[in-house]
Amino acid sequence: MADNQEWFDRLLPGQEKIVFAPTEVASLLEIPEEKVYQGLAQGDIPGIKWGTRWLIPRAVLDKMPLASNRVF
Protein backbone atom coordinates (compact mmCIF):
# COMPACT_ATOMS: atom_id res chain seq x y z
CA MET A 1 0.00 0.00 0.00
CA ALA A 2 1.34 3.44 -0.88
CA ASP A 3 2.04 5.87 1.92
CA ASN A 4 -0.31 8.81 2.48
CA GLN A 5 1.76 11.33 0.53
CA GLU A 6 1.99 9.11 -2.54
CA TRP A 7 -1.76 8.53 -2.41
CA PHE A 8 -2.40 12.25 -2.04
CA ASP A 9 -0.04 13.14 -4.90
CA ARG A 10 -1.90 10.76 -7.21
CA LEU A 11 -5.31 12.06 -6.10
CA LEU A 12 -4.48 15.77 -6.39
CA PRO A 13 -1.23 16.22 -8.32
CA GLY A 14 0.52 19.50 -7.62
CA GLN A 15 -1.64 20.31 -4.59
CA GLU A 16 -0.40 20.79 -1.04
CA LYS A 17 -1.58 18.35 1.55
CA ILE A 18 -4.32 19.90 3.72
CA VAL A 19 -4.70 17.25 6.45
CA PHE A 20 -2.22 14.99 8.21
CA ALA A 21 -2.45 11.74 10.13
CA PRO A 22 -1.14 11.60 13.72
CA THR A 23 1.88 9.56 12.61
CA GLU A 24 2.82 12.27 10.13
CA VAL A 25 2.37 15.00 12.75
CA ALA A 26 4.57 13.09 15.20
CA SER A 27 7.27 12.88 12.57
CA LEU A 28 6.98 16.54 11.58
CA LEU A 29 7.02 17.77 15.19
CA GLU A 30 9.64 15.23 16.28
CA ILE A 31 7.54 13.94 19.17
CA PRO A 32 6.27 10.43 20.00
CA GLU A 33 3.06 9.41 18.26
CA GLU A 34 1.52 8.72 21.67
CA LYS A 35 1.95 12.42 22.57
CA VAL A 36 0.05 13.42 19.44
CA TYR A 37 -2.87 11.15 20.37
CA GLN A 38 -2.82 12.49 23.94
CA GLY A 39 -2.83 16.06 22.63
CA LEU A 40 -5.77 15.27 20.36
CA ALA A 41 -7.74 13.58 23.15
CA GLN A 42 -7.11 16.45 25.58
CA GLY A 43 -7.79 19.16 23.01
CA ASP A 44 -4.23 20.51 23.07
CA ILE A 45 -3.87 19.64 19.38
CA PRO A 46 -7.00 20.55 17.40
CA GLY A 47 -8.07 17.74 15.11
CA ILE A 48 -11.01 16.15 13.38
CA LYS A 49 -12.20 12.70 14.41
CA TRP A 50 -13.52 10.89 11.35
CA GLY A 51 -14.78 7.47 12.32
CA THR A 52 -11.83 5.85 14.06
CA ARG A 53 -9.23 8.15 12.45
CA TRP A 54 -7.86 11.49 13.53
CA LEU A 55 -7.02 14.16 10.95
CA ILE A 56 -5.01 17.28 11.76
CA PRO A 57 -5.50 20.22 9.37
CA ARG A 58 -2.43 21.89 7.89
CA ALA A 59 -3.68 25.23 9.28
CA VAL A 60 -3.28 23.81 12.80
CA LEU A 61 0.30 22.75 12.10
CA ASP A 62 1.12 26.13 10.56
CA LYS A 63 0.14 27.78 13.86
CA MET A 64 2.07 25.37 16.11
CA PRO A 65 5.40 26.46 17.61
CA LEU A 66 8.65 24.94 16.44
CA ALA A 67 9.95 21.82 18.16
CA SER A 68 12.22 23.80 20.51
CA ASN A 69 9.32 25.96 21.77
CA ARG A 70 6.59 23.34 22.30
CA VAL A 71 5.04 22.84 25.73
CA PHE A 72 3.35 19.46 25.18
PDB file of N, CA and C in Angstrom:
ATOM      1  N   MET A   1       0.843  -1.186   0.000  1.00  0.00           N
ATOM      2  CA  MET A   1       0.000   0.000   0.000  1.00  0.00           C
ATOM      3  C   MET A   1       0.886   1.245   0.000  1.00  0.00           C
ATOM      4  N   ALA A   2       0.558   2.207  -0.805  1.00  0.00           N
ATOM      5  CA  ALA A   2       1.335   3.444  -0.882  1.00  0.00           C
ATOM      6  C   ALA A   2       1.150   4.265   0.390  1.00  0.00           C
ATOM      7  N   ASP A   3       2.183   5.028   0.743  1.00  0.00           N
ATOM      8  CA  ASP A   3       2.037   5.872   1.918  1.00  0.00           C
ATOM      9  C   ASP A   3       1.080   7.019   1.600  1.00  0.00           C
ATOM     10  N   ASN A   4       0.686   7.771   2.628  1.00  0.00           N
ATOM     11  CA  ASN A   4      -0.312   8.815   2.476  1.00  0.00           C
ATOM     12  C   ASN A   4       0.088   9.871   1.451  1.00  0.00           C
ATOM     13  N   GLN A   5       1.342  10.294   1.452  1.00  0.00           N
ATOM     14  CA  GLN A   5       1.758  11.335   0.526  1.00  0.00           C
ATOM     15  C   GLN A   5       1.675  10.861  -0.915  1.00  0.00           C
ATOM     16  N   GLU A   6       2.086   9.637  -1.182  1.00  0.00           N
ATOM     17  CA  GLU A   6       1.993   9.108  -2.544  1.00  0.00           C
ATOM     18  C   GLU A   6       0.540   9.052  -2.998  1.00  0.00           C
ATOM     19  N   TRP A   7      -0.336   8.602  -2.098  1.00  0.00           N
ATOM     20  CA  TRP A   7      -1.763   8.528  -2.414  1.00  0.00           C
ATOM     21  C   TRP A   7      -2.296   9.921  -2.711  1.00  0.00           C
ATOM     22  N   PHE A   8      -1.938  10.882  -1.875  1.00  0.00           N
ATOM     23  CA  PHE A   8      -2.402  12.252  -2.040  1.00  0.00           C
ATOM     24  C   PHE A   8      -1.890  12.848  -3.355  1.00  0.00           C
ATOM     25  N   ASP A   9      -0.627  12.616  -3.673  1.00  0.00           N
ATOM     26  CA  ASP A   9      -0.043  13.140  -4.903  1.00  0.00           C
ATOM     27  C   ASP A   9      -0.754  12.593  -6.140  1.00  0.00           C
ATOM     28  N   ARG A  10      -1.167  11.339  -6.079  1.00  0.00           N
ATOM     29  CA  ARG A  10      -1.903  10.757  -7.206  1.00  0.00           C
ATOM     30  C   ARG A  10      -3.313  11.331  -7.290  1.00  0.00           C
ATOM     31  N   LEU A  11      -3.939  11.553  -6.128  1.00  0.00           N
ATOM     32  CA  LEU A  11      -5.306  12.058  -6.098  1.00  0.00           C
ATOM     33  C   LEU A  11      -5.376  13.508  -6.564  1.00  0.00           C
ATOM     34  N   LEU A  12      -4.492  14.345  -6.057  1.00  0.00           N
ATOM     35  CA  LEU A  12      -4.480  15.767  -6.391  1.00  0.00           C
ATOM     36  C   LEU A  12      -3.063  16.204  -6.752  1.00  0.00           C
ATOM     37  N   PRO A  13      -2.608  15.876  -7.948  1.00  0.00           N
ATOM     38  CA  PRO A  13      -1.234  16.218  -8.324  1.00  0.00           C
ATOM     39  C   PRO A  13      -0.999  17.724  -8.262  1.00  0.00           C
ATOM     40  N   GLY A  14       0.139  18.099  -7.696  1.00  0.00           N
ATOM     41  CA  GLY A  14       0.517  19.496  -7.621  1.00  0.00           C
ATOM     42  C   GLY A  14      -0.134  20.276  -6.493  1.00  0.00           C
ATOM     43  N   GLN A  15      -0.956  19.628  -5.695  1.00  0.00           N
ATOM     44  CA  GLN A  15      -1.642  20.308  -4.592  1.00  0.00           C
ATOM     45  C   GLN A  15      -0.925  20.034  -3.275  1.00  0.00           C
ATOM     46  N   GLU A  16      -0.978  21.008  -2.363  1.00  0.00           N
ATOM     47  CA  GLU A  16      -0.404  20.793  -1.037  1.00  0.00           C
ATOM     48  C   GLU A  16      -1.353  19.953  -0.206  1.00  0.00           C
ATOM     49  N   LYS A  17      -0.792  19.173   0.656  1.00  0.00           N
ATOM     50  CA  LYS A  17      -1.577  18.347   1.552  1.00  0.00           C
ATOM     51  C   LYS A  17      -2.281  19.250   2.555  1.00  0.00           C
ATOM     52  N   ILE A  18      -3.575  19.017   2.810  1.00  0.00           N
ATOM     53  CA  ILE A  18      -4.317  19.895   3.720  1.00  0.00           C
ATOM     54  C   ILE A  18      -4.632  19.253   5.061  1.00  0.00           C
ATOM     55  N   VAL A  19      -4.520  17.932   5.169  1.00  0.00           N
ATOM     56  CA  VAL A  19      -4.700  17.246   6.448  1.00  0.00           C
ATOM     57  C   VAL A  19      -3.596  16.210   6.629  1.00  0.00           C
ATOM     58  N   PHE A  20      -3.271  15.948   7.889  1.00  0.00           N
ATOM     59  CA  PHE A  20      -2.217  14.991   8.211  1.00  0.00           C
ATOM     60  C   PHE A  20      -2.719  13.976   9.218  1.00  0.00           C
ATOM     61  N   ALA A  21      -2.177  12.779   9.156  1.00  0.00           N
ATOM     62  CA  ALA A  21      -2.455  11.735  10.135  1.00  0.00           C
ATOM     63  C   ALA A  21      -1.563  11.966  11.357  1.00  0.00           C
ATOM     64  N   PRO A  22      -1.967  11.446  12.517  1.00  0.00           N
ATOM     65  CA  PRO A  22      -1.143  11.601  13.720  1.00  0.00           C
ATOM     66  C   PRO A  22       0.295  11.113  13.555  1.00  0.00           C
ATOM     67  N   THR A  23       0.507  10.048  12.807  1.00  0.00           N
ATOM     68  CA  THR A  23       1.877   9.557  12.607  1.00  0.00           C
ATOM     69  C   THR A  23       2.721  10.582  11.858  1.00  0.00           C
ATOM     70  N   GLU A  24       2.113  11.252  10.888  1.00  0.00           N
ATOM     71  CA  GLU A  24       2.824  12.273  10.127  1.00  0.00           C
ATOM     72  C   GLU A  24       3.132  13.489  10.999  1.00  0.00           C
ATOM     73  N   VAL A  25       2.171  13.862  11.843  1.00  0.00           N
ATOM     74  CA  VAL A  25       2.366  15.004  12.745  1.00  0.00           C
ATOM     75  C   VAL A  25       3.490  14.698  13.735  1.00  0.00           C
ATOM     76  N   ALA A  26       3.506  13.484  14.259  1.00  0.00           N
ATOM     77  CA  ALA A  26       4.567  13.090  15.198  1.00  0.00           C
ATOM     78  C   ALA A  26       5.931  13.214  14.532  1.00  0.00           C
ATOM     79  N   SER A  27       6.011  12.787  13.300  1.00  0.00           N
ATOM     80  CA  SER A  27       7.272  12.877  12.567  1.00  0.00           C
ATOM     81  C   SER A  27       7.662  14.331  12.306  1.00  0.00           C
ATOM     82  N   LEU A  28       6.710  15.134  11.875  1.00  0.00           N
ATOM     83  CA  LEU A  28       6.979  16.539  11.577  1.00  0.00           C
ATOM     84  C   LEU A  28       7.392  17.332  12.824  1.00  0.00           C
ATOM     85  N   LEU A  29       6.740  17.039  13.956  1.00  0.00           N
ATOM     86  CA  LEU A  29       7.017  17.771  15.188  1.00  0.00           C
ATOM     87  C   LEU A  29       8.114  17.127  16.032  1.00  0.00           C
ATOM     88  N   GLU A  30       8.583  15.971  15.574  1.00  0.00           N
ATOM     89  CA  GLU A  30       9.641  15.234  16.280  1.00  0.00           C
ATOM     90  C   GLU A  30       9.244  14.920  17.722  1.00  0.00           C
ATOM     91  N   ILE A  31       8.034  14.372  17.864  1.00  0.00           N
ATOM     92  CA  ILE A  31       7.541  13.935  19.171  1.00  0.00           C
ATOM     93  C   ILE A  31       6.983  12.527  19.002  1.00  0.00           C
ATOM     94  N   PRO A  32       6.841  11.776  20.107  1.00  0.00           N
ATOM     95  CA  PRO A  32       6.272  10.432  20.001  1.00  0.00           C
ATOM     96  C   PRO A  32       4.814  10.485  19.524  1.00  0.00           C
ATOM     97  N   GLU A  33       4.429   9.497  18.757  1.00  0.00           N
ATOM     98  CA  GLU A  33       3.060   9.413  18.258  1.00  0.00           C
ATOM     99  C   GLU A  33       2.049   9.411  19.409  1.00  0.00           C
ATOM    100  N   GLU A  34       2.404   8.776  20.505  1.00  0.00           N
ATOM    101  CA  GLU A  34       1.525   8.724  21.672  1.00  0.00           C
ATOM    102  C   GLU A  34       1.188  10.135  22.173  1.00  0.00           C
ATOM    103  N   LYS A  35       2.172  11.035  22.139  1.00  0.00           N
ATOM    104  CA  LYS A  35       1.954  12.420  22.570  1.00  0.00           C
ATOM    105  C   LYS A  35       0.952  13.129  21.661  1.00  0.00           C
ATOM    106  N   VAL A  36       0.998  12.823  20.375  1.00  0.00           N
ATOM    107  CA  VAL A  36       0.046  13.420  19.439  1.00  0.00           C
ATOM    108  C   VAL A  36      -1.367  12.973  19.790  1.00  0.00           C
ATOM    109  N   TYR A  37      -1.550  11.658  20.020  1.00  0.00           N
ATOM    110  CA  TYR A  37      -2.870  11.152  20.372  1.00  0.00           C
ATOM    111  C   TYR A  37      -3.350  11.726  21.710  1.00  0.00           C
ATOM    112  N   GLN A  38      -2.450  11.872  22.667  1.00  0.00           N
ATOM    113  CA  GLN A  38      -2.816  12.492  23.942  1.00  0.00           C
ATOM    114  C   GLN A  38      -3.254  13.938  23.731  1.00  0.00           C
ATOM    115  N   GLY A  39      -2.494  14.672  22.927  1.00  0.00           N
ATOM    116  CA  GLY A  39      -2.832  16.055  22.630  1.00  0.00           C
ATOM    117  C   GLY A  39      -4.182  16.185  21.940  1.00  0.00           C
ATOM    118  N   LEU A  40      -4.473  15.264  21.036  1.00  0.00           N
ATOM    119  CA  LEU A  40      -5.765  15.268  20.360  1.00  0.00           C
ATOM    120  C   LEU A  40      -6.896  14.979  21.349  1.00  0.00           C
ATOM    121  N   ALA A  41      -6.714  13.967  22.185  1.00  0.00           N
ATOM    122  CA  ALA A  41      -7.743  13.579  23.150  1.00  0.00           C
ATOM    123  C   ALA A  41      -8.013  14.681  24.176  1.00  0.00           C
ATOM    124  N   GLN A  42      -6.973  15.404  24.564  1.00  0.00           N
ATOM    125  CA  GLN A  42      -7.112  16.446  25.579  1.00  0.00           C
ATOM    126  C   GLN A  42      -7.468  17.801  24.978  1.00  0.00           C
ATOM    127  N   GLY A  43      -7.463  17.908  23.666  1.00  0.00           N
ATOM    128  CA  GLY A  43      -7.792  19.160  23.008  1.00  0.00           C
ATOM    129  C   GLY A  43      -6.619  20.109  22.854  1.00  0.00           C
ATOM    130  N   ASP A  44      -5.418  19.671  23.227  1.00  0.00           N
ATOM    131  CA  ASP A  44      -4.227  20.506  23.066  1.00  0.00           C
ATOM    132  C   ASP A  44      -3.828  20.642  21.600  1.00  0.00           C
ATOM    133  N   ILE A  45      -4.105  19.607  20.820  1.00  0.00           N
ATOM    134  CA  ILE A  45      -3.874  19.635  19.378  1.00  0.00           C
ATOM    135  C   ILE A  45      -5.254  19.545  18.723  1.00  0.00           C
ATOM    136  N   PRO A  46      -5.697  20.611  18.068  1.00  0.00           N
ATOM    137  CA  PRO A  46      -7.000  20.550  17.398  1.00  0.00           C
ATOM    138  C   PRO A  46      -6.969  19.549  16.249  1.00  0.00           C
ATOM    139  N   GLY A  47      -7.989  18.730  16.178  1.00  0.00           N
ATOM    140  CA  GLY A  47      -8.073  17.743  15.114  1.00  0.00           C
ATOM    141  C   GLY A  47      -9.514  17.383  14.819  1.00  0.00           C
ATOM    142  N   ILE A  48      -9.689  16.590  13.799  1.00  0.00           N
ATOM    143  CA  ILE A  48     -11.009  16.148  13.376  1.00  0.00           C
ATOM    144  C   ILE A  48     -11.059  14.633  13.525  1.00  0.00           C
ATOM    145  N   LYS A  49     -12.014  14.143  14.267  1.00  0.00           N
ATOM    146  CA  LYS A  49     -12.197  12.699  14.409  1.00  0.00           C
ATOM    147  C   LYS A  49     -13.172  12.258  13.324  1.00  0.00           C
ATOM    148  N   TRP A  50     -12.697  11.387  12.442  1.00  0.00           N
ATOM    149  CA  TRP A  50     -13.525  10.893  11.353  1.00  0.00           C
ATOM    150  C   TRP A  50     -13.581   9.381  11.483  1.00  0.00           C
ATOM    151  N   GLY A  51     -14.663   8.897  12.024  1.00  0.00           N
ATOM    152  CA  GLY A  51     -14.777   7.471  12.318  1.00  0.00           C
ATOM    153  C   GLY A  51     -13.778   7.118  13.406  1.00  0.00           C
ATOM    154  N   THR A  52     -12.857   6.245  13.087  1.00  0.00           N
ATOM    155  CA  THR A  52     -11.827   5.855  14.062  1.00  0.00           C
ATOM    156  C   THR A  52     -10.510   6.579  13.814  1.00  0.00           C
ATOM    157  N   ARG A  53     -10.475   7.462  12.818  1.00  0.00           N
ATOM    158  CA  ARG A  53      -9.227   8.149  12.449  1.00  0.00           C
ATOM    159  C   ARG A  53      -9.240   9.599  12.905  1.00  0.00           C
ATOM    160  N   TRP A  54      -8.055  10.085  13.233  1.00  0.00           N
ATOM    161  CA  TRP A  54      -7.860  11.493  13.528  1.00  0.00           C
ATOM    162  C   TRP A  54      -7.199  12.149  12.328  1.00  0.00           C
ATOM    163  N   LEU A  55      -7.630  13.362  12.006  1.00  0.00           N
ATOM    164  CA  LEU A  55      -7.017  14.160  10.954  1.00  0.00           C
ATOM    165  C   LEU A  55      -6.655  15.516  11.547  1.00  0.00           C
ATOM    166  N   ILE A  56      -5.471  15.991  11.260  1.00  0.00           N
ATOM    167  CA  ILE A  56      -5.009  17.277  11.764  1.00  0.00           C
ATOM    168  C   ILE A  56      -4.835  18.198  10.554  1.00  0.00           C
ATOM    169  N   PRO A  57      -5.608  19.296  10.507  1.00  0.00           N
ATOM    170  CA  PRO A  57      -5.502  20.217   9.374  1.00  0.00           C
ATOM    171  C   PRO A  57      -4.147  20.909   9.304  1.00  0.00           C
ATOM    172  N   ARG A  58      -3.695  21.184   8.102  1.00  0.00           N
ATOM    173  CA  ARG A  58      -2.433  21.890   7.892  1.00  0.00           C
ATOM    174  C   ARG A  58      -2.450  23.234   8.612  1.00  0.00           C
ATOM    175  N   ALA A  59      -3.586  23.924   8.623  1.00  0.00           N
ATOM    176  CA  ALA A  59      -3.684  25.228   9.280  1.00  0.00           C
ATOM    177  C   ALA A  59      -3.315  25.130  10.760  1.00  0.00           C
ATOM    178  N   VAL A  60      -3.648  24.019  11.394  1.00  0.00           N
ATOM    179  CA  VAL A  60      -3.282  23.806  12.801  1.00  0.00           C
ATOM    180  C   VAL A  60      -1.767  23.705  12.925  1.00  0.00           C
ATOM    181  N   LEU A  61      -1.155  22.927  12.054  1.00  0.00           N
ATOM    182  CA  LEU A  61       0.299  22.751  12.104  1.00  0.00           C
ATOM    183  C   LEU A  61       1.031  24.055  11.809  1.00  0.00           C
ATOM    184  N   ASP A  62       0.482  24.853  10.894  1.00  0.00           N
ATOM    185  CA  ASP A  62       1.116  26.127  10.560  1.00  0.00           C
ATOM    186  C   ASP A  62       1.159  27.073  11.751  1.00  0.00           C
ATOM    187  N   LYS A  63       0.211  26.908  12.684  1.00  0.00           N
ATOM    188  CA  LYS A  63       0.143  27.776  13.862  1.00  0.00           C
ATOM    189  C   LYS A  63       0.916  27.232  15.063  1.00  0.00           C
ATOM    190  N   MET A  64       1.378  25.982  14.972  1.00  0.00           N
ATOM    191  CA  MET A  64       2.067  25.372  16.108  1.00  0.00           C
ATOM    192  C   MET A  64       3.502  25.876  16.204  1.00  0.00           C
ATOM    193  N   PRO A  65       4.011  26.013  17.443  1.00  0.00           N
ATOM    194  CA  PRO A  65       5.404  26.462  17.612  1.00  0.00           C
ATOM    195  C   PRO A  65       6.399  25.406  17.126  1.00  0.00           C
ATOM    196  N   LEU A  66       7.591  25.850  16.849  1.00  0.00           N
ATOM    197  CA  LEU A  66       8.655  24.941  16.437  1.00  0.00           C
ATOM    198  C   LEU A  66       8.965  23.955  17.552  1.00  0.00           C
ATOM    199  N   ALA A  67       9.654  22.883  17.208  1.00  0.00           N
ATOM    200  CA  ALA A  67       9.955  21.820  18.160  1.00  0.00           C
ATOM    201  C   ALA A  67      10.604  22.343  19.440  1.00  0.00           C
ATOM    202  N   SER A  68      11.493  23.309  19.325  1.00  0.00           N
ATOM    203  CA  SER A  68      12.223  23.799  20.507  1.00  0.00           C
ATOM    204  C   SER A  68      11.345  24.637  21.437  1.00  0.00           C
ATOM    205  N   ASN A  69      10.186  25.095  20.961  1.00  0.00           N
ATOM    206  CA  ASN A  69       9.320  25.957  21.770  1.00  0.00           C
ATOM    207  C   ASN A  69       8.034  25.297  22.242  1.00  0.00           C
ATOM    208  N   ARG A  70       7.851  24.016  21.951  1.00  0.00           N
ATOM    209  CA  ARG A  70       6.595  23.340  22.304  1.00  0.00           C
ATOM    210  C   ARG A  70       6.493  23.084  23.797  1.00  0.00           C
ATOM    211  N   VAL A  71       5.256  23.101  24.312  1.00  0.00           N
ATOM    212  CA  VAL A  71       5.036  22.841  25.732  1.00  0.00           C
ATOM    213  C   VAL A  71       4.399  21.478  25.978  1.00  0.00           C
ATOM    214  N   PHE A  72       3.963  20.776  24.944  1.00  0.00           N
ATOM    215  CA  PHE A  72       3.349  19.456  25.179  1.00  0.00           C
ATOM    216  C   PHE A  72       4.285  18.349  24.813  1.00  0.00           C
TER     217      PHE A  72
END
